[in-house]
Amino acid sequence: MTDSDNPNRAIAQALNSWRLSGLDQMPQYSPELENNDYSLPPNAECVTQNKDVVNANNGTSNEELSNSEFRIPNSEFTPALTPHSSLLTPHSTNAASSFNMTNNNLIESSDPVEALAMLQKRVAQCTLCKVLPETRTQTVFGVGNPRARLLFLGEAPGADEDAQGIPFVGRSGRLLTDMIEKGMKISRDEVYICNVLRCRPPQNRNPLPEEAAFCRPFMEAQIKIVNPEFICCLGAVAAKNLLQTDTSIGKLRGTIHNWQGYKVVCTYHPSYLLRNPPAKKDAWIDLQLLMRAMGLM
């Protein structure tokens, strides 16, 4: 698969989501939008491992992962996700009856495809934030398998995402696809991808606390509808907002956290890896931790 295939696949996934939501055309691209990278909070830190981790299946050293792309040699990893027997069953109580936003139930159906389509319509109408509804081209909801075992959580849409209405379609998205398909040996179609925010912050700044707070009910409802077994937080903003902690991303790495019964692994955001290629070896360690927990290696 070439890099050019990845945005096409994401677009096809998003078109299907829009169809389910009653939308019948793709948004127009705005040429004035700037394609800036995401920024990492200044207190995020990189943890340097003292020794390389070598994959027992293929002998891949961490040093081989510091190139401009996320390249993993062929391995014996399981090529597809193992079906999760409780994909539609919340880990504790029924999601549709236990989650509310200002007394209005955000989960309106027990069918995840229908529930996500209904939630997407609500998100598209949201005007809670002071600035974002005025500066966004459109909301960016989520894309992928509505019954995924693994959910990737980013921070916010960038210029490409704002223009197309699809999460992770720019350079960071191509790298994330490589991490999933070349690294984990699973299809991007098998996972679900969304962000802490569903609107692009101006100049790709970090989400403000009140913006994250307004969008959190949508994020939690989205997670509960998909009901994954695992969540992978991409970057400090995603990890700190989901886990509601001030701990740095460097210290959150290397541990499987528990959030409302979901297993959470934290790693660096793909845009950070593009700016700091040596950190890809640490991201590979994080993916190995996730794959071992999922039974993929």
C-alpha atoms as a PDB file:
ATOM      1  CA  MET A   1       0.000   0.000   0.000  1.00  0.00           C
ATOM      2  CA  THR A   2       1.329   3.415  -0.931  1.00  0.00           C
ATOM      3  CA  ASP A   3       0.942   6.552   1.131  1.00  0.00           C
ATOM      4  CA  SER A   4      -1.528   7.917  -1.425  1.00  0.00           C
ATOM      5  CA  ASP A   5      -3.914   5.056  -0.622  1.00  0.00           C
ATOM      6  CA  ASN A   6      -4.283   6.119   3.002  1.00  0.00           C
ATOM      7  CA  PRO A   7      -6.174   9.423   2.543  1.00  0.00           C
ATOM      8  CA  ASN A   8      -8.383   7.753  -0.087  1.00  0.00           C
ATOM      9  CA  ARG A   9      -9.373   5.100   2.424  1.00  0.00           C
ATOM     10  CA  ALA A  10     -10.024   7.717   5.108  1.00  0.00           C
ATOM     11  CA  ILE A  11     -12.155   9.715   2.659  1.00  0.00           C
ATOM     12  CA  ALA A  12     -14.199   6.622   1.806  1.00  0.00           C
ATOM     13  CA  GLN A  13     -14.773   5.948   5.494  1.00  0.00           C
ATOM     14  CA  ALA A  14     -15.855   9.528   6.108  1.00  0.00           C
ATOM     15  CA  LEU A  15     -18.184   9.576   3.097  1.00  0.00           C
ATOM     16  CA  ASN A  16     -19.933   6.531   4.505  1.00  0.00           C
ATOM     17  CA  SER A  17     -20.286   8.274   7.878  1.00  0.00           C
ATOM     18  CA  TRP A  18     -21.697  11.370   6.187  1.00  0.00           C
ATOM     19  CA  ARG A  19     -24.133   9.228   4.187  1.00  0.00           C
ATOM     20  CA  LEU A  20     -25.401   7.670   7.397  1.00  0.00           C
ATOM     21  CA  SER A  21     -25.822  11.181   8.819  1.00  0.00           C
ATOM     22  CA  GLY A  22     -27.860  12.389   5.849  1.00  0.00           C
ATOM     23  CA  LEU A  23     -25.084  14.430   4.184  1.00  0.00           C
ATOM     24  CA  ASP A  24     -24.827  14.036   0.420  1.00  0.00           C
ATOM     25  CA  GLN A  25     -21.751  15.992  -0.649  1.00  0.00           C
ATOM     26  CA  MET A  26     -18.130  16.467   0.308  1.00  0.00           C
ATOM     27  CA  PRO A  27     -17.116  19.855   1.749  1.00  0.00           C
ATOM     28  CA  GLN A  28     -15.083  22.209  -0.412  1.00  0.00           C
ATOM     29  CA  TYR A  29     -11.434  22.772   0.334  1.00  0.00           C
ATOM     30  CA  SER A  30     -10.452  26.271   1.443  1.00  0.00           C
ATOM     31  CA  PRO A  31      -7.057  27.243  -0.089  1.00  0.00           C
ATOM     32  CA  GLU A  32      -6.422  29.888   2.546  1.00  0.00           C
ATOM     33  CA  LEU A  33      -6.176  27.287   5.286  1.00  0.00           C
ATOM     34  CA  GLU A  34      -2.640  26.832   6.507  1.00  0.00           C
ATOM     35  CA  ASN A  35      -1.153  23.361   6.873  1.00  0.00           C
ATOM     36  CA  ASN A  36       0.655  23.713  10.180  1.00  0.00           C
ATOM     37  CA  ASP A  37       1.801  20.928  12.447  1.00  0.00           C
ATOM     38  CA  TYR A  38       0.288  20.337  15.834  1.00  0.00           C
ATOM     39  CA  SER A  39       2.256  21.602  18.803  1.00  0.00           C
ATOM     40  CA  LEU A  40       3.305  19.596  21.830  1.00  0.00           C
ATOM     41  CA  PRO A  41       2.885  21.177  25.262  1.00  0.00           C
ATOM     42  CA  PRO A  42       6.197  22.538  26.561  1.00  0.00           C
ATOM     43  CA  ASN A  43       6.112  20.333  29.651  1.00  0.00           C
ATOM     44  CA  ALA A  44       5.976  17.123  27.600  1.00  0.00           C
ATOM     45  CA  GLU A  45       9.172  15.184  27.910  1.00  0.00           C
ATOM     46  CA  CYS A  46      10.854  12.412  26.007  1.00  0.00           C
ATOM     47  CA  VAL A  47      11.985   9.342  27.912  1.00  0.00           C
ATOM     48  CA  THR A  48      15.172   7.861  26.478  1.00  0.00           C
ATOM     49  CA  GLN A  49      15.392   4.112  26.868  1.00  0.00           C
ATOM     50  CA  ASN A  50      18.745   2.784  28.018  1.00  0.00           C
ATOM     51  CA  LYS A  51      18.738  -0.204  25.741  1.00  0.00           C
ATOM     52  CA  ASP A  52      17.198  -1.098  22.416  1.00  0.00           C
ATOM     53  CA  VAL A  53      14.183  -3.346  22.331  1.00  0.00           C
ATOM     54  CA  VAL A  54      14.569  -5.978  19.636  1.00  0.00           C
ATOM     55  CA  ASN A  55      11.499  -7.709  18.271  1.00  0.00           C
ATOM     56  CA  ALA A  56      11.996 -11.424  18.828  1.00  0.00           C
ATOM     57  CA  ASN A  57      10.002 -12.191  15.692  1.00  0.00           C
ATOM     58  CA  ASN A  58      12.031 -10.129  13.211  1.00  0.00           C
ATOM     59  CA  GLY A  59      15.117  -8.792  15.026  1.00  0.00           C
ATOM     60  CA  THR A  60      14.210  -5.155  14.431  1.00  0.00           C
ATOM     61  CA  SER A  61      16.340  -2.728  16.420  1.00  0.00           C
ATOM     62  CA  ASN A  62      15.036   0.610  17.596  1.00  0.00           C
ATOM     63  CA  GLU A  63      17.767   2.332  15.600  1.00  0.00           C
ATOM     64  CA  GLU A  64      16.051   1.176  12.388  1.00  0.00           C
ATOM     65  CA  LEU A  65      12.934   3.152  13.333  1.00  0.00           C
ATOM     66  CA  SER A  66      14.441   6.644  13.316  1.00  0.00           C
ATOM     67  CA  ASN A  67      13.947   7.290   9.591  1.00  0.00           C
ATOM     68  CA  SER A  68      11.504   9.816   8.163  1.00  0.00           C
ATOM     69  CA  GLU A  69       8.768   7.170   7.883  1.00  0.00           C
ATOM     70  CA  PHE A  70       7.584   4.539  10.314  1.00  0.00           C
ATOM     71  CA  ARG A  71       9.036   1.434   8.672  1.00  0.00           C
ATOM     72  CA  ILE A  72       8.788  -2.015  10.231  1.00  0.00           C
ATOM     73  CA  PRO A  73      10.217  -5.086   8.410  1.00  0.00           C
ATOM     74  CA  ASN A  74       7.893  -8.010   7.748  1.00  0.00           C
ATOM     75  CA  SER A  75       7.051  -9.922  10.901  1.00  0.00           C
ATOM     76  CA  GLU A  76       4.909 -12.725  12.223  1.00  0.00           C
ATOM     77  CA  PHE A  77       2.476 -10.381  14.006  1.00  0.00           C
ATOM     78  CA  THR A  78      -1.168 -11.318  13.727  1.00  0.00           C
ATOM     79  CA  PRO A  79      -2.406  -9.403  10.629  1.00  0.00           C
ATOM     80  CA  ALA A  80      -5.889  -8.665  11.957  1.00  0.00           C
ATOM     81  CA  LEU A  81      -7.534  -7.765  15.235  1.00  0.00           C
ATOM     82  CA  THR A  82      -8.913 -10.572  17.324  1.00  0.00           C
ATOM     83  CA  PRO A  83     -12.711 -10.146  17.642  1.00  0.00           C
ATOM     84  CA  HIS A  84     -13.647  -8.746  21.026  1.00  0.00           C
ATOM     85  CA  SER A  85     -16.623 -10.678  22.431  1.00  0.00           C
ATOM     86  CA  SER A  86     -18.112  -7.697  24.301  1.00  0.00           C
ATOM     87  CA  LEU A  87     -17.838  -5.045  21.585  1.00  0.00           C
ATOM     88  CA  LEU A  88     -21.422  -3.888  22.072  1.00  0.00           C
ATOM     89  CA  THR A  89     -21.546  -4.444  25.821  1.00  0.00           C
ATOM     90  CA  PRO A  90     -20.168  -1.689  28.072  1.00  0.00           C
ATOM     91  CA  HIS A  91     -17.652  -2.823  30.676  1.00  0.00           C
ATOM     92  CA  SER A  92     -19.847  -1.840  33.642  1.00  0.00           C
ATOM     93  CA  THR A  93     -23.292  -0.324  33.064  1.00  0.00           C
ATOM     94  CA  ASN A  94     -25.332   0.257  29.925  1.00  0.00           C
ATOM     95  CA  ALA A  95     -23.796   3.213  28.100  1.00  0.00           C
ATOM     96  CA  ALA A  96     -27.054   4.389  26.565  1.00  0.00           C
ATOM     97  CA  SER A  97     -28.714   4.784  29.959  1.00  0.00           C
ATOM     98  CA  SER A  98     -25.771   5.889  32.091  1.00  0.00           C
ATOM     99  CA  PHE A  99     -24.319   8.803  30.085  1.00  0.00           C
ATOM    100  CA  ASN A 100     -26.032  12.184  29.845  1.00  0.00           C
ATOM    101  CA  MET A 101     -25.123  15.751  28.884  1.00  0.00           C
ATOM    102  CA  THR A 102     -27.283  18.384  30.598  1.00  0.00           C
ATOM    103  CA  ASN A 103     -30.031  15.795  30.931  1.00  0.00           C
ATOM    104  CA  ASN A 104     -30.067  15.147  27.163  1.00  0.00           C
ATOM    105  CA  ASN A 105     -29.038  11.623  26.307  1.00  0.00           C
ATOM    106  CA  LEU A 106     -26.202  11.679  23.763  1.00  0.00           C
ATOM    107  CA  ILE A 107     -26.443   7.972  22.980  1.00  0.00           C
ATOM    108  CA  GLU A 108     -29.749   7.509  21.220  1.00  0.00           C
ATOM    109  CA  SER A 109     -29.451   3.977  19.869  1.00  0.00           C
ATOM    110  CA  SER A 110     -28.015   0.623  20.920  1.00  0.00           C
ATOM    111  CA  ASP A 111     -26.699   0.157  17.382  1.00  0.00           C
ATOM    112  CA  PRO A 112     -23.239   1.781  17.207  1.00  0.00           C
ATOM    113  CA  VAL A 113     -23.522   2.815  13.549  1.00  0.00           C
ATOM    114  CA  GLU A 114     -26.835   4.549  14.153  1.00  0.00           C
ATOM    115  CA  ALA A 115     -25.730   6.002  17.480  1.00  0.00           C
ATOM    116  CA  LEU A 116     -22.556   7.496  15.960  1.00  0.00           C
ATOM    117  CA  ALA A 117     -24.540   9.011  13.075  1.00  0.00           C
ATOM    118  CA  MET A 118     -26.956  10.641  15.521  1.00  0.00           C
ATOM    119  CA  LEU A 119     -24.120  11.927  17.692  1.00  0.00           C
ATOM    120  CA  GLN A 120     -22.329  13.284  14.628  1.00  0.00           C
ATOM    121  CA  LYS A 121     -25.383  15.389  13.781  1.00  0.00           C
ATOM    122  CA  ARG A 122     -25.341  16.864  17.300  1.00  0.00           C
ATOM    123  CA  VAL A 123     -21.636  17.629  17.057  1.00  0.00           C
ATOM    124  CA  ALA A 124     -22.139  19.411  13.727  1.00  0.00           C
ATOM    125  CA  GLN A 125     -24.665  21.729  15.394  1.00  0.00           C
ATOM    126  CA  CYS A 126     -22.529  22.494  18.458  1.00  0.00           C
ATOM    127  CA  THR A 127     -21.824  26.174  19.204  1.00  0.00           C
ATOM    128  CA  LEU A 128     -20.777  25.900  22.850  1.00  0.00           C
ATOM    129  CA  CYS A 129     -17.259  27.328  22.396  1.00  0.00           C
ATOM    130  CA  LYS A 130     -16.785  31.058  21.874  1.00  0.00           C
ATOM    131  CA  VAL A 131     -14.271  30.913  19.016  1.00  0.00           C
ATOM    132  CA  LEU A 132     -14.241  27.494  17.347  1.00  0.00           C
ATOM    133  CA  PRO A 133     -17.715  27.569  15.755  1.00  0.00           C
ATOM    134  CA  GLU A 134     -16.725  30.824  14.012  1.00  0.00           C
ATOM    135  CA  THR A 135     -13.313  29.690  12.765  1.00  0.00           C
ATOM    136  CA  ARG A 136     -13.966  26.072  11.779  1.00  0.00           C
ATOM    137  CA  THR A 137     -14.779  25.008   8.241  1.00  0.00           C
ATOM    138  CA  GLN A 138     -16.734  22.093   9.662  1.00  0.00           C
ATOM    139  CA  THR A 139     -16.633  19.702  12.595  1.00  0.00           C
ATOM    140  CA  VAL A 140     -14.378  16.643  12.398  1.00  0.00           C
ATOM    141  CA  PHE A 141     -16.133  13.752  14.092  1.00  0.00           C
ATOM    142  CA  GLY A 142     -14.388  10.395  13.769  1.00  0.00           C
ATOM    143  CA  VAL A 143     -13.698   7.604  11.324  1.00  0.00           C
ATOM    144  CA  GLY A 144     -13.236   3.846  11.347  1.00  0.00           C
ATOM    145  CA  ASN A 145     -14.814   0.660  12.596  1.00  0.00           C
ATOM    146  CA  PRO A 146     -17.799   1.509  14.838  1.00  0.00           C
ATOM    147  CA  ARG A 147     -17.219  -1.769  16.694  1.00  0.00           C
ATOM    148  CA  ALA A 148     -13.427  -1.450  16.905  1.00  0.00           C
ATOM    149  CA  ARG A 149     -11.424  -3.203  19.566  1.00  0.00           C
ATOM    150  CA  LEU A 150      -8.839  -0.388  19.461  1.00  0.00           C
ATOM    151  CA  LEU A 151      -9.526   3.364  19.444  1.00  0.00           C
ATOM    152  CA  PHE A 152      -6.872   6.018  18.730  1.00  0.00           C
ATOM    153  CA  LEU A 153      -7.432   9.389  20.398  1.00  0.00           C
ATOM    154  CA  GLY A 154      -5.688  12.510  19.089  1.00  0.00           C
ATOM    155  CA  GLU A 155      -5.878  16.116  20.238  1.00  0.00           C
ATOM    156  CA  ALA A 156      -7.678  18.213  17.578  1.00  0.00           C
ATOM    157  CA  PRO A 157      -8.113  18.581  13.813  1.00  0.00           C
ATOM    158  CA  GLY A 158      -5.496  20.393  11.772  1.00  0.00           C
ATOM    159  CA  ALA A 159      -5.870  22.295   8.500  1.00  0.00           C
ATOM    160  CA  ASP A 160      -6.221  19.187   6.319  1.00  0.00           C
ATOM    161  CA  GLU A 161      -8.730  17.651   8.696  1.00  0.00           C
ATOM    162  CA  ASP A 162     -10.718  20.885   8.938  1.00  0.00           C
ATOM    163  CA  ALA A 163     -10.870  21.079   5.130  1.00  0.00           C
ATOM    164  CA  GLN A 164     -11.916  17.463   4.594  1.00  0.00           C
ATOM    165  CA  GLY A 165     -13.873  16.715   7.762  1.00  0.00           C
ATOM    166  CA  ILE A 166     -11.834  13.573   8.446  1.00  0.00           C
ATOM    167  CA  PRO A 167      -9.374  12.990  11.321  1.00  0.00           C
ATOM    168  CA  PHE A 168      -5.704  12.272  10.549  1.00  0.00           C
ATOM    169  CA  VAL A 169      -5.527  12.771   6.773  1.00  0.00           C
ATOM    170  CA  GLY A 170      -2.421  14.977   6.494  1.00  0.00           C
ATOM    171  CA  ARG A 171       1.243  14.094   7.076  1.00  0.00           C
ATOM    172  CA  SER A 172       0.479  13.053  10.647  1.00  0.00           C
ATOM    173  CA  GLY A 173      -2.330  10.874   9.373  1.00  0.00           C
ATOM    174  CA  ARG A 174      -0.067   9.121   6.901  1.00  0.00           C
ATOM    175  CA  LEU A 175       2.426   8.424   9.665  1.00  0.00           C
ATOM    176  CA  LEU A 176      -0.350   7.134  11.945  1.00  0.00           C
ATOM    177  CA  THR A 177      -1.476   4.795   9.158  1.00  0.00           C
ATOM    178  CA  ASP A 178       2.106   3.515   8.887  1.00  0.00           C
ATOM    179  CA  MET A 179       2.224   2.961  12.638  1.00  0.00           C
ATOM    180  CA  ILE A 180      -1.001   0.947  12.485  1.00  0.00           C
ATOM    181  CA  GLU A 181      -0.425  -1.000   9.285  1.00  0.00           C
ATOM    182  CA  LYS A 182       3.357  -1.322   8.987  1.00  0.00           C
ATOM    183  CA  GLY A 183       4.041  -1.423  12.722  1.00  0.00           C
ATOM    184  CA  MET A 184       1.064  -3.224  14.246  1.00  0.00           C
ATOM    185  CA  LYS A 185       0.263  -5.199  11.066  1.00  0.00           C
ATOM    186  CA  ILE A 186      -3.446  -4.442  11.263  1.00  0.00           C
ATOM    187  CA  SER A 187      -5.653  -2.449   8.929  1.00  0.00           C
ATOM    188  CA  ARG A 188      -6.549   1.155   9.656  1.00  0.00           C
ATOM    189  CA  ASP A 189     -10.099   0.121   8.737  1.00  0.00           C
ATOM    190  CA  GLU A 190     -10.185  -2.104  11.838  1.00  0.00           C
ATOM    191  CA  VAL A 191      -9.618   0.721  14.340  1.00  0.00           C
ATOM    192  CA  TYR A 192     -11.571   3.865  15.240  1.00  0.00           C
ATOM    193  CA  ILE A 193      -9.942   7.315  15.235  1.00  0.00           C
ATOM    194  CA  CYS A 194     -11.178  10.536  16.850  1.00  0.00           C
ATOM    195  CA  ASN A 195      -9.896  13.558  18.783  1.00  0.00           C
ATOM    196  CA  VAL A 196     -10.344  15.396  22.063  1.00  0.00           C
ATOM    197  CA  LEU A 197     -11.773  18.334  20.047  1.00  0.00           C
ATOM    198  CA  ARG A 198     -14.016  18.118  16.995  1.00  0.00           C
ATOM    199  CA  CYS A 199     -13.128  21.611  15.731  1.00  0.00           C
ATOM    200  CA  ARG A 200      -9.769  22.958  14.597  1.00  0.00           C
ATOM    201  CA  PRO A 201      -8.287  25.507  17.021  1.00  0.00           C
ATOM    202  CA  PRO A 202      -6.981  28.654  15.291  1.00  0.00           C
ATOM    203  CA  GLN A 203      -3.359  28.317  14.160  1.00  0.00           C
ATOM    204  CA  ASN A 204      -3.440  24.729  15.486  1.00  0.00           C
ATOM    205  CA  ARG A 205      -2.921  25.921  19.037  1.00  0.00           C
ATOM    206  CA  ASN A 206      -3.547  23.489  21.892  1.00  0.00           C
ATOM    207  CA  PRO A 207      -7.174  23.155  23.037  1.00  0.00           C
ATOM    208  CA  LEU A 208      -8.155  25.553  25.797  1.00  0.00           C
ATOM    209  CA  PRO A 209      -9.409  23.925  29.024  1.00  0.00           C
ATOM    210  CA  GLU A 210     -12.949  25.201  28.476  1.00  0.00           C
ATOM    211  CA  GLU A 211     -12.960  23.910  24.885  1.00  0.00           C
ATOM    212  CA  ALA A 212     -11.892  20.454  26.017  1.00  0.00           C
ATOM    213  CA  ALA A 213     -14.530  20.573  28.766  1.00  0.00           C
ATOM    214  CA  PHE A 214     -17.311  21.479  26.318  1.00  0.00           C
ATOM    215  CA  CYS A 215     -16.249  18.710  23.917  1.00  0.00           C
ATOM    216  CA  ARG A 216     -15.613  16.047  26.569  1.00  0.00           C
ATOM    217  CA  PRO A 217     -19.213  14.752  26.689  1.00  0.00           C
ATOM    218  CA  PHE A 218     -19.055  14.160  22.933  1.00  0.00           C
ATOM    219  CA  MET A 219     -15.686  12.413  23.300  1.00  0.00           C
ATOM    220  CA  GLU A 220     -16.911  10.180  26.108  1.00  0.00           C
ATOM    221  CA  ALA A 221     -20.129   9.344  24.267  1.00  0.00           C
ATOM    222  CA  GLN A 222     -18.124   8.455  21.165  1.00  0.00           C
ATOM    223  CA  ILE A 223     -15.873   6.151  23.170  1.00  0.00           C
ATOM    224  CA  LYS A 224     -18.813   4.513  24.920  1.00  0.00           C
ATOM    225  CA  ILE A 225     -20.632   3.892  21.638  1.00  0.00           C
ATOM    226  CA  VAL A 226     -17.617   2.258  19.990  1.00  0.00           C
ATOM    227  CA  ASN A 227     -16.809   0.593  23.319  1.00  0.00           C
ATOM    228  CA  PRO A 228     -13.246  -0.467  22.486  1.00  0.00           C
ATOM    229  CA  GLU A 229     -11.197  -2.693  24.728  1.00  0.00           C
ATOM    230  CA  PHE A 230      -8.096  -0.525  24.222  1.00  0.00           C
ATOM    231  CA  ILE A 231      -7.493   3.209  23.763  1.00  0.00           C
ATOM    232  CA  CYS A 232      -4.194   4.598  22.473  1.00  0.00           C
ATOM    233  CA  CYS A 233      -3.701   8.279  23.361  1.00  0.00           C
ATOM    234  CA  LEU A 234      -1.617  10.118  20.780  1.00  0.00           C
ATOM    235  CA  GLY A 235       0.317  12.857  22.518  1.00  0.00           C
ATOM    236  CA  ALA A 236       0.213  14.818  25.747  1.00  0.00           C
ATOM    237  CA  VAL A 237      -3.040  16.678  25.032  1.00  0.00           C
ATOM    238  CA  ALA A 238      -5.008  13.490  24.396  1.00  0.00           C
ATOM    239  CA  ALA A 239      -3.481  11.607  27.326  1.00  0.00           C
ATOM    240  CA  LYS A 240      -3.880  14.425  29.862  1.00  0.00           C
ATOM    241  CA  ASN A 241      -7.453  15.179  28.828  1.00  0.00           C
ATOM    242  CA  LEU A 242      -8.658  11.597  28.790  1.00  0.00           C
ATOM    243  CA  LEU A 243      -6.949  10.580  32.045  1.00  0.00           C
ATOM    244  CA  GLN A 244      -7.481  14.029  33.609  1.00  0.00           C
ATOM    245  CA  THR A 245      -3.933  14.288  34.856  1.00  0.00           C
ATOM    246  CA  ASP A 246      -1.065  16.785  34.749  1.00  0.00           C
ATOM    247  CA  THR A 247       1.524  14.013  34.444  1.00  0.00           C
ATOM    248  CA  SER A 248       3.827  14.477  31.434  1.00  0.00           C
ATOM    249  CA  ILE A 249       3.502  12.222  28.392  1.00  0.00           C
ATOM    250  CA  GLY A 250       7.009  10.900  29.053  1.00  0.00           C
ATOM    251  CA  LYS A 251       5.927   9.595  32.464  1.00  0.00           C
ATOM    252  CA  LEU A 252       2.566   8.302  31.209  1.00  0.00           C
ATOM    253  CA  ARG A 253       4.299   6.084  28.651  1.00  0.00           C
ATOM    254  CA  GLY A 254       5.251   2.512  29.458  1.00  0.00           C
ATOM    255  CA  THR A 255       2.189   1.744  31.587  1.00  0.00           C
ATOM    256  CA  ILE A 256      -1.260   0.399  30.780  1.00  0.00           C
ATOM    257  CA  HIS A 257      -3.679   2.783  32.480  1.00  0.00           C
ATOM    258  CA  ASN A 258      -7.310   2.156  33.365  1.00  0.00           C
ATOM    259  CA  TRP A 259      -9.979   4.691  32.447  1.00  0.00           C
ATOM    260  CA  GLN A 260     -13.568   3.662  33.203  1.00  0.00           C
ATOM    261  CA  GLY A 261     -12.698   0.034  32.507  1.00  0.00           C
ATOM    262  CA  TYR A 262     -10.852   0.719  29.244  1.00  0.00           C
ATOM    263  CA  LYS A 263      -7.148  -0.148  28.902  1.00  0.00           C
ATOM    264  CA  VAL A 264      -5.176   2.958  27.896  1.00  0.00           C
ATOM    265  CA  VAL A 265      -1.688   3.173  26.383  1.00  0.00           C
ATOM    266  CA  CYS A 266      -0.045   6.576  25.809  1.00  0.00           C
ATOM    267  CA  THR A 267       2.504   7.453  23.138  1.00  0.00           C
ATOM    268  CA  TYR A 268       3.763  10.468  21.209  1.00  0.00           C
ATOM    269  CA  HIS A 269       1.625  12.280  18.651  1.00  0.00           C
ATOM    270  CA  PRO A 270       2.615  11.516  15.034  1.00  0.00           C
ATOM    271  CA  SER A 271       3.274  15.224  14.375  1.00  0.00           C
ATOM    272  CA  TYR A 272       5.812  15.203  17.223  1.00  0.00           C
ATOM    273  CA  LEU A 273       7.446  12.153  15.655  1.00  0.00           C
ATOM    274  CA  LEU A 274       7.673  13.970  12.315  1.00  0.00           C
ATOM    275  CA  ARG A 275       9.519  16.828  14.005  1.00  0.00           C
ATOM    276  CA  ASN A 276      11.622  14.505  16.185  1.00  0.00           C
ATOM    277  CA  PRO A 277      12.361  11.287  14.224  1.00  0.00           C
ATOM    278  CA  PRO A 278      14.597   9.777  16.966  1.00  0.00           C
ATOM    279  CA  ALA A 279      11.483   9.524  19.183  1.00  0.00           C
ATOM    280  CA  LYS A 280      10.033   6.941  16.780  1.00  0.00           C
ATOM    281  CA  LYS A 281      12.002   4.249  18.577  1.00  0.00           C
ATOM    282  CA  ASP A 282      10.137   5.146  21.771  1.00  0.00           C
ATOM    283  CA  ALA A 283       6.797   5.110  19.936  1.00  0.00           C
ATOM    284  CA  TRP A 284       7.679   1.634  18.658  1.00  0.00           C
ATOM    285  CA  ILE A 285       8.226   0.496  22.243  1.00  0.00           C
ATOM    286  CA  ASP A 286       4.775   1.859  23.098  1.00  0.00           C
ATOM    287  CA  LEU A 287       3.183   0.028  20.177  1.00  0.00           C
ATOM    288  CA  GLN A 288       4.862  -3.199  21.274  1.00  0.00           C
ATOM    289  CA  LEU A 289       3.389  -2.740  24.751  1.00  0.00           C
ATOM    290  CA  LEU A 290      -0.036  -2.258  23.178  1.00  0.00           C
ATOM    291  CA  MET A 291       0.341  -5.253  20.848  1.00  0.00           C
ATOM    292  CA  ARG A 292       1.407  -7.534  23.692  1.00  0.00           C
ATOM    293  CA  ALA A 293      -1.629  -6.469  25.727  1.00  0.00           C
ATOM    294  CA  MET A 294      -3.877  -7.131  22.718  1.00  0.00           C
ATOM    295  CA  GLY A 295      -2.315 -10.523  22.077  1.00  0.00           C
ATOM    296  CA  LEU A 296      -0.900  -9.453  18.709  1.00  0.00           C
ATOM    297  CA  MET A 297       2.694 -10.516  19.471  1.00  0.00           C
END
